[in-house]
Amino acid sequence: MSSKTSNAFHIAAMPGEGIGLEVMEAAQAVLEAVEARFGIAFRSETIPGGAHHYRETGATLPKDGLARAGQADAILFGAMGWPDIRFPDGTEIAPQLDIRMHYGLYAGVRPIRAIPGVPTALADPRAAGIDLVIVRESTEGMFASRGKGEIIDDREARDTQVITRDVTEKLTAFSCGLARRRKATRGTPGRVTLVDKANVFRSFAFMRQVFHETAAKHPDIEARHHYVDAMALDLVRRPWDFDVLPMENLFGDILSDLGAGLIGGMGFAPSADVGDRNAMFQPSHGTAPDIAGQGIANPTAMILSAAMMLDWLGETRSSQAATDAALAIEKGVDKAFGERGLRSQDIGGGHGTVEIGRTVAELVRSGAADPA
């Protein structure tokens, strides 16, 4: 990872394919506005990759792609994968999983926040206050079996879950730190709730034990636990009651999509994958082949992922400009949908990818979205 001055950053841009290319362009328009408004300099290096790259070259990324991505200050990732292009074993092309594993990006941060003007799935007026974060452990759990599962005599298939003390301790400490920061900046409760299935599986009972041992070192943070089936119910019944929710990889994969459904869909769901040194930022959605190339993809998740990147850079590089820019992008999105009345195609509106990106960029550039 490079060590630049506090307001100059080397970004590995990996747009991918499908709508990844389109939403990345919208996010880059917003980042150009950030440069103009906040005096931040980005050196963007584009790294190709994905399913079509695999079909053309036999590799999911260039030979030096992983190394180049890791040398950047942050990775900004669009979307990769295509339903009709798969590995010989039938699994999909997913370089983002390779990046997570290679760089130990154990904390998959998935904010679920209601955006002003965007209709929520729940009629309860409290839904407007949904503001929680799923922290998906992104290197272990069931995903540790990716590429390692076995089929026995064409009669039985087995995948093995892996939970380690080391990563669970890191995930818990990260979640407690996130809850502490959210409490200070957003007025959230400062509560961390582990989501598991400890009543059935020894691996989850072990995860819960390590979670509570580690959380005890953060006495200012309230630590709880919740069974995953009950959480699926309660995310629909009372999502406004939750703050930070760490959980195993597969559970996080599933529940973060449920959470996105509460706030307008995958087009409004950003994410980050964070490790001890590296981090990757990407929308939670995929390449959406059915709408690719039509200019109607919602770029909000990608734009908010860029804001998460700036927030992480601000924290890890002690850059107040990056922190302020992250807040400005978030506020710009809120104003675009709340005050300007933007409506993306996925929520029944007619505003396209470019228009949404330009509107948020304009709000950032003009200072209308500056932090108060």
Protein backbone atom coordinates (compact mmCIF):
# COMPACT_ATOMS: atom_id res chain seq x y z
CA MET A 1 0.00 0.00 0.00
CA SER A 2 1.35 3.41 -0.92
CA SER A 3 1.94 6.18 1.59
CA LYS A 4 0.81 9.43 0.02
CA THR A 5 0.29 12.84 1.53
CA SER A 6 -2.94 13.03 3.50
CA ASN A 7 -5.02 14.50 0.66
CA ALA A 8 -3.58 12.63 -2.36
CA PHE A 9 -4.72 9.08 -2.95
CA HIS A 10 -3.92 6.31 -5.40
CA ILE A 11 -7.14 4.47 -6.27
CA ALA A 12 -7.34 1.11 -8.03
CA ALA A 13 -10.53 1.40 -10.10
CA MET A 14 -11.95 -1.97 -11.14
CA PRO A 15 -15.19 -1.20 -13.03
CA GLY A 16 -15.71 -4.78 -14.22
CA GLU A 17 -18.59 -5.40 -16.59
CA GLY A 18 -22.33 -4.95 -17.08
CA ILE A 19 -23.68 -2.04 -15.08
CA GLY A 20 -20.41 -1.96 -13.15
CA LEU A 21 -18.98 0.13 -15.99
CA GLU A 22 -21.91 2.54 -15.92
CA VAL A 23 -22.15 3.11 -12.17
CA MET A 24 -18.39 3.51 -11.93
CA GLU A 25 -18.54 6.42 -14.40
CA ALA A 26 -21.21 8.09 -12.26
CA ALA A 27 -19.11 7.65 -9.11
CA GLN A 28 -16.04 9.04 -10.85
CA ALA A 29 -18.03 12.15 -11.81
CA VAL A 30 -18.78 12.64 -8.11
CA LEU A 31 -15.12 12.10 -7.19
CA GLU A 32 -14.12 14.76 -9.72
CA ALA A 33 -16.44 17.14 -7.88
CA VAL A 34 -14.76 16.11 -4.62
CA GLU A 35 -11.37 17.02 -6.08
CA ALA A 36 -12.64 20.47 -7.06
CA ARG A 37 -14.42 21.17 -3.77
CA PHE A 38 -12.14 19.63 -1.16
CA GLY A 39 -8.67 19.85 -2.67
CA ILE A 40 -8.21 16.10 -2.80
CA ALA A 41 -6.15 14.57 -5.61
CA PHE A 42 -6.97 11.10 -6.93
CA ARG A 43 -4.61 9.09 -9.11
CA SER A 44 -6.89 6.48 -10.60
CA GLU A 45 -5.46 3.29 -12.09
CA THR A 46 -7.93 1.14 -14.00
CA ILE A 47 -7.59 -2.63 -13.65
CA PRO A 48 -9.81 -4.78 -15.93
CA GLY A 49 -11.28 -8.10 -14.94
CA GLY A 50 -14.38 -10.23 -14.67
CA ALA A 51 -16.21 -12.98 -16.52
CA HIS A 52 -15.70 -11.57 -20.00
CA HIS A 53 -12.01 -11.05 -19.22
CA TYR A 54 -11.90 -14.72 -18.19
CA ARG A 55 -13.55 -15.84 -21.42
CA GLU A 56 -11.10 -13.81 -23.48
CA THR A 57 -7.88 -14.50 -21.56
CA GLY A 58 -8.47 -17.55 -19.36
CA ALA A 59 -7.87 -15.43 -16.23
CA THR A 60 -10.31 -13.45 -14.10
CA LEU A 61 -7.81 -10.61 -13.63
CA PRO A 62 -4.56 -9.57 -15.33
CA LYS A 63 -1.53 -11.48 -14.06
CA ASP A 64 -0.47 -8.54 -11.90
CA GLY A 65 -4.03 -7.40 -11.13
CA LEU A 66 -4.14 -8.51 -7.51
CA ALA A 67 -0.74 -7.00 -6.75
CA ARG A 68 -1.59 -3.69 -8.41
CA ALA A 69 -4.87 -3.46 -6.51
CA GLY A 70 -3.11 -4.07 -3.21
CA GLN A 71 -0.53 -1.36 -3.87
CA ALA A 72 -3.21 1.32 -4.11
CA ASP A 73 -4.52 3.27 -1.13
CA ALA A 74 -7.97 1.82 -1.78
CA ILE A 75 -9.82 -0.35 -4.29
CA LEU A 76 -12.99 1.00 -5.90
CA PHE A 77 -14.84 -1.92 -7.45
CA GLY A 78 -17.86 -1.86 -9.77
CA ALA A 79 -19.30 -5.31 -10.45
CA MET A 80 -17.96 -8.53 -11.97
CA GLY A 81 -19.54 -11.81 -13.00
CA TRP A 82 -21.90 -12.99 -15.72
CA PRO A 83 -24.51 -15.76 -15.41
CA ASP A 84 -23.56 -17.53 -18.66
CA ILE A 85 -19.79 -17.48 -18.08
CA ARG A 86 -18.64 -19.88 -15.38
CA PHE A 87 -15.71 -21.94 -14.19
CA PRO A 88 -15.64 -25.61 -15.28
CA ASP A 89 -17.09 -26.64 -11.89
CA GLY A 90 -20.19 -24.51 -12.54
CA THR A 91 -19.41 -21.69 -10.09
CA GLU A 92 -19.52 -18.05 -11.15
CA ILE A 93 -16.59 -15.75 -11.82
CA ALA A 94 -16.13 -13.56 -8.73
CA PRO A 95 -12.73 -11.82 -8.51
CA GLN A 96 -14.04 -9.76 -5.59
CA LEU A 97 -13.97 -12.93 -3.48
CA ASP A 98 -10.36 -13.53 -4.49
CA ILE A 99 -9.45 -10.00 -3.43
CA ARG A 100 -11.16 -10.44 -0.07
CA MET A 101 -9.32 -13.68 0.63
CA HIS A 102 -5.94 -12.54 -0.71
CA TYR A 103 -5.84 -9.38 1.40
CA GLY A 104 -7.72 -10.67 4.44
CA LEU A 105 -10.61 -8.25 4.09
CA TYR A 106 -12.53 -9.82 6.94
CA ALA A 107 -15.02 -7.02 7.71
CA GLY A 108 -17.72 -6.68 5.08
CA VAL A 109 -19.40 -3.41 6.06
CA ARG A 110 -22.93 -3.07 4.65
CA PRO A 111 -24.85 0.02 5.80
CA ILE A 112 -28.64 -0.20 5.66
CA ARG A 113 -29.88 3.40 5.88
CA ALA A 114 -33.16 4.93 4.79
CA ILE A 115 -32.56 7.78 2.31
CA PRO A 116 -34.92 10.79 2.30
CA GLY A 117 -37.35 10.61 -0.59
CA VAL A 118 -36.74 6.93 -1.30
CA PRO A 119 -39.77 4.78 -0.46
CA THR A 120 -39.15 2.10 2.17
CA ALA A 121 -40.72 -1.34 2.14
CA LEU A 122 -42.37 -0.86 5.53
CA ALA A 123 -45.41 1.35 6.11
CA ASP A 124 -44.44 2.09 9.72
CA PRO A 125 -43.27 5.73 9.95
CA ARG A 126 -40.29 4.57 12.02
CA ALA A 127 -38.87 3.01 8.84
CA ALA A 128 -37.62 6.48 7.86
CA GLY A 129 -35.14 6.15 10.72
CA ILE A 130 -33.59 2.84 9.68
CA ASP A 131 -29.83 3.19 10.18
CA LEU A 132 -27.97 -0.02 10.92
CA VAL A 133 -24.83 -1.74 9.67
CA ILE A 134 -24.38 -5.41 8.89
CA VAL A 135 -20.74 -6.45 9.34
CA ARG A 136 -20.36 -9.58 7.27
CA GLU A 137 -17.30 -11.66 8.10
CA SER A 138 -15.94 -12.00 4.57
CA THR A 139 -13.10 -14.54 4.66
CA GLU A 140 -14.39 -17.52 6.67
CA GLY A 141 -17.68 -19.20 7.46
CA MET A 142 -19.19 -21.26 4.66
CA PHE A 143 -17.28 -19.25 2.05
CA ALA A 144 -14.03 -20.80 3.31
CA SER A 145 -15.11 -23.88 1.33
CA ARG A 146 -15.16 -22.03 -1.98
CA GLY A 147 -13.20 -24.20 -4.39
CA LYS A 148 -12.58 -26.82 -1.70
CA GLY A 149 -15.89 -28.64 -1.40
CA GLU A 150 -16.10 -32.30 -2.36
CA ILE A 151 -18.59 -34.54 -4.09
CA ILE A 152 -18.39 -38.13 -2.89
CA ASP A 153 -19.26 -40.89 -5.39
CA ASP A 154 -21.84 -38.64 -7.07
CA ARG A 155 -24.12 -39.21 -4.08
CA GLU A 156 -23.10 -36.61 -1.49
CA ALA A 157 -21.65 -33.10 -1.47
CA ARG A 158 -19.83 -31.51 1.45
CA ASP A 159 -18.70 -27.98 2.27
CA THR A 160 -17.09 -27.17 5.61
CA GLN A 161 -17.61 -24.02 7.67
CA VAL A 162 -14.56 -22.41 9.28
CA ILE A 163 -14.68 -20.04 12.28
CA THR A 164 -11.38 -18.98 13.88
CA ARG A 165 -10.66 -17.16 17.12
CA ASP A 166 -8.30 -14.72 15.39
CA VAL A 167 -10.78 -13.46 12.82
CA THR A 168 -13.72 -13.46 15.25
CA GLU A 169 -11.70 -11.31 17.64
CA LYS A 170 -10.84 -8.91 14.81
CA LEU A 171 -14.44 -8.79 13.61
CA THR A 172 -15.72 -8.10 17.11
CA ALA A 173 -13.16 -5.37 17.81
CA PHE A 174 -13.92 -3.78 14.43
CA SER A 175 -17.67 -3.88 15.12
CA CYS A 176 -17.24 -2.33 18.56
CA GLY A 177 -15.07 0.43 17.09
CA LEU A 178 -17.66 1.07 14.40
CA ALA A 179 -20.46 1.23 16.97
CA ARG A 180 -18.43 3.66 19.06
CA ARG A 181 -17.78 5.94 16.08
CA ARG A 182 -21.41 5.82 14.97
CA LYS A 183 -22.55 6.72 18.47
CA ALA A 184 -20.26 9.76 18.49
CA THR A 185 -21.12 10.97 14.98
CA ARG A 186 -24.70 9.78 14.37
CA GLY A 187 -26.17 9.42 17.85
CA THR A 188 -26.80 5.68 17.43
CA PRO A 189 -27.05 3.44 20.53
CA GLY A 190 -23.51 2.04 20.62
CA ARG A 191 -24.77 -1.53 20.49
CA VAL A 192 -23.30 -4.60 18.79
CA THR A 193 -25.46 -7.68 18.24
CA LEU A 194 -23.85 -10.91 17.03
CA VAL A 195 -26.06 -12.91 14.68
CA ASP A 196 -25.47 -16.66 14.88
CA LYS A 197 -27.01 -20.14 15.18
CA ALA A 198 -25.26 -21.10 18.40
CA ASN A 199 -28.12 -23.30 19.58
CA VAL A 200 -27.36 -25.87 16.86
CA PHE A 201 -23.76 -25.61 15.64
CA ARG A 202 -20.57 -25.82 17.68
CA SER A 203 -18.84 -23.40 15.32
CA PHE A 204 -21.40 -20.71 16.14
CA ALA A 205 -21.29 -21.48 19.86
CA PHE A 206 -17.53 -20.94 19.65
CA MET A 207 -18.02 -17.71 17.69
CA ARG A 208 -20.44 -16.43 20.34
CA GLN A 209 -17.99 -17.29 23.13
CA VAL A 210 -15.13 -15.42 21.44
CA PHE A 211 -17.43 -12.52 20.59
CA HIS A 212 -18.45 -11.94 24.21
CA GLU A 213 -14.88 -12.40 25.48
CA THR A 214 -13.68 -9.74 23.05
CA ALA A 215 -16.64 -7.40 23.49
CA ALA A 216 -15.97 -7.38 27.25
CA LYS A 217 -12.81 -5.39 26.43
CA HIS A 218 -15.09 -2.62 25.14
CA PRO A 219 -17.25 -1.89 28.19
CA ASP A 220 -18.67 1.29 26.65
CA ILE A 221 -20.37 -0.80 23.94
CA GLU A 222 -23.43 -2.91 24.68
CA ALA A 223 -22.95 -6.48 23.41
CA ARG A 224 -25.86 -8.77 22.57
CA HIS A 225 -26.55 -11.85 20.43
CA HIS A 226 -29.48 -12.94 18.26
CA TYR A 227 -30.29 -16.13 16.35
CA VAL A 228 -30.21 -15.66 12.58
CA ASP A 229 -33.77 -16.89 12.02
CA ALA A 230 -35.08 -14.47 14.63
CA MET A 231 -33.02 -11.69 13.08
CA ALA A 232 -34.56 -12.34 9.66
CA LEU A 233 -37.94 -11.81 11.32
CA ASP A 234 -36.89 -8.76 13.33
CA LEU A 235 -35.22 -6.98 10.43
CA VAL A 236 -38.70 -6.85 8.92
CA ARG A 237 -40.55 -6.33 12.19
CA ARG A 238 -38.34 -3.73 13.91
CA PRO A 239 -35.16 -2.84 11.97
CA TRP A 240 -34.94 0.57 13.65
CA ASP A 241 -34.01 -1.16 16.92
CA PHE A 242 -30.62 -2.39 15.66
CA ASP A 243 -27.22 -0.75 15.34
CA VAL A 244 -24.18 -2.88 14.35
CA LEU A 245 -24.75 -6.54 13.44
CA PRO A 246 -21.64 -8.72 12.95
CA MET A 247 -22.27 -12.20 11.55
CA GLU A 248 -20.85 -15.13 9.63
CA ASN A 249 -20.18 -14.76 5.90
CA LEU A 250 -23.17 -16.60 4.42
CA PHE A 251 -25.61 -15.13 6.93
CA GLY A 252 -24.28 -11.67 6.06
CA ASP A 253 -24.66 -12.37 2.36
CA ILE A 254 -28.34 -13.20 2.84
CA LEU A 255 -29.41 -10.68 5.48
CA SER A 256 -27.70 -7.73 3.80
CA ASP A 257 -29.89 -8.30 0.74
CA LEU A 258 -32.94 -8.41 2.99
CA GLY A 259 -31.78 -5.15 4.53
CA ALA A 260 -31.35 -3.55 1.12
CA GLY A 261 -34.93 -4.51 0.32
CA LEU A 262 -36.11 -2.45 3.28
CA ILE A 263 -34.60 0.80 1.96
CA GLY A 264 -35.41 0.73 -1.75
CA GLY A 265 -33.35 -2.13 -3.14
CA MET A 266 -29.81 -3.07 -4.08
CA GLY A 267 -29.30 0.21 -5.92
CA PHE A 268 -29.15 1.96 -2.54
CA ALA A 269 -26.88 -0.55 -0.76
CA PRO A 270 -23.16 0.33 -0.64
CA SER A 271 -20.49 -1.83 0.95
CA ALA A 272 -16.87 -2.02 2.01
CA ASP A 273 -14.54 -4.94 2.65
CA VAL A 274 -11.95 -3.89 5.20
CA GLY A 275 -8.82 -5.62 6.46
CA ASP A 276 -5.91 -4.62 8.65
CA ARG A 277 -4.20 -2.73 5.80
CA ASN A 278 -6.29 -2.85 2.63
CA ALA A 279 -9.90 -2.10 1.79
CA MET A 280 -12.23 -2.49 -1.19
CA PHE A 281 -15.42 -0.51 -1.78
CA GLN A 282 -18.25 -1.64 -4.04
CA PRO A 283 -22.02 -1.60 -4.44
CA SER A 284 -23.73 -4.68 -3.07
CA HIS A 285 -25.45 -5.38 -6.40
CA GLY A 286 -24.12 -7.42 -9.31
CA THR A 287 -23.65 -6.76 -13.02
CA ALA A 288 -27.41 -6.84 -13.86
CA PRO A 289 -27.15 -8.20 -17.44
CA ASP A 290 -30.86 -7.54 -18.00
CA ILE A 291 -30.41 -3.75 -17.88
CA ALA A 292 -26.72 -3.36 -18.77
CA GLY A 293 -26.02 -0.79 -21.45
CA GLN A 294 -29.40 0.92 -21.16
CA GLY A 295 -28.30 3.82 -18.97
CA ILE A 296 -30.95 3.12 -16.34
CA ALA A 297 -28.88 1.49 -13.58
CA ASN A 298 -29.11 3.21 -10.22
CA PRO A 299 -25.58 4.43 -9.33
CA THR A 300 -26.42 5.45 -5.77
CA ALA A 301 -24.89 2.36 -4.14
CA MET A 302 -21.69 2.93 -6.11
CA ILE A 303 -21.61 6.63 -5.19
CA LEU A 304 -22.17 5.84 -1.52
CA SER A 305 -19.45 3.19 -1.71
CA ALA A 306 -17.09 5.94 -2.90
CA ALA A 307 -18.19 7.95 0.14
CA MET A 308 -17.34 4.97 2.37
CA MET A 309 -13.93 4.84 0.70
CA LEU A 310 -13.32 8.49 1.53
CA ASP A 311 -14.49 7.99 5.10
CA TRP A 312 -12.05 5.08 5.51
CA LEU A 313 -9.23 7.09 3.96
CA GLY A 314 -10.06 10.00 6.23
CA GLU A 315 -9.85 7.76 9.28
CA THR A 316 -6.80 5.73 8.30
CA ARG A 317 -4.84 8.62 6.71
CA SER A 318 -5.91 11.33 9.16
CA SER A 319 -7.38 13.37 6.32
CA GLN A 320 -10.12 15.73 7.46
CA ALA A 321 -10.72 16.69 3.83
CA ALA A 322 -11.54 13.07 2.97
CA THR A 323 -13.86 12.78 5.98
CA ASP A 324 -15.65 15.99 5.01
CA ALA A 325 -15.94 14.83 1.39
CA ALA A 326 -17.51 11.55 2.51
CA LEU A 327 -20.13 13.44 4.48
CA ALA A 328 -20.76 15.75 1.54
CA ILE A 329 -21.42 12.83 -0.81
CA GLU A 330 -23.87 11.27 1.64
CA LYS A 331 -25.61 14.61 2.10
CA GLY A 332 -25.61 15.13 -1.66
CA VAL A 333 -27.39 11.83 -2.17
CA ASP A 334 -29.95 12.74 0.51
CA LYS A 335 -30.59 16.11 -1.13
CA ALA A 336 -30.77 14.65 -4.63
CA PHE A 337 -33.54 12.21 -3.69
CA GLY A 338 -35.11 14.21 -0.88
CA GLU A 339 -35.11 17.84 -2.09
CA ARG A 340 -34.48 17.50 -5.82
CA GLY A 341 -36.97 14.66 -6.18
CA LEU A 342 -34.79 12.29 -8.16
CA ARG A 343 -36.35 8.91 -8.79
CA SER A 344 -34.23 6.14 -10.23
CA GLN A 345 -35.75 3.51 -12.50
CA ASP A 346 -35.63 0.81 -9.83
CA ILE A 347 -38.09 2.75 -7.63
CA GLY A 348 -40.43 3.61 -10.47
CA GLY A 349 -38.85 6.87 -11.64
CA GLY A 350 -37.34 8.03 -14.89
CA HIS A 351 -33.94 9.40 -13.91
CA GLY A 352 -31.01 7.50 -15.40
CA THR A 353 -27.48 6.67 -14.32
CA VAL A 354 -25.79 9.76 -15.75
CA GLU A 355 -28.38 12.23 -14.44
CA ILE A 356 -28.19 10.89 -10.90
CA GLY A 357 -24.39 11.02 -10.94
CA ARG A 358 -24.37 14.55 -12.34
CA THR A 359 -26.90 15.78 -9.80
CA VAL A 360 -24.96 14.48 -6.82
CA ALA A 361 -21.72 15.82 -8.34
CA GLU A 362 -23.30 19.25 -8.80
CA LEU A 363 -24.47 19.34 -5.19
CA VAL A 364 -21.00 18.41 -3.97
CA ARG A 365 -19.17 20.81 -6.29
CA SER A 366 -21.42 23.78 -5.47
CA GLY A 367 -21.01 23.39 -1.72
CA ALA A 368 -24.73 22.73 -1.27
CA ALA A 369 -23.81 19.40 0.34
CA ASP A 370 -20.96 20.62 2.54
CA PRO A 371 -21.01 19.21 6.09
CA ALA A 372 -22.74 21.57 8.52
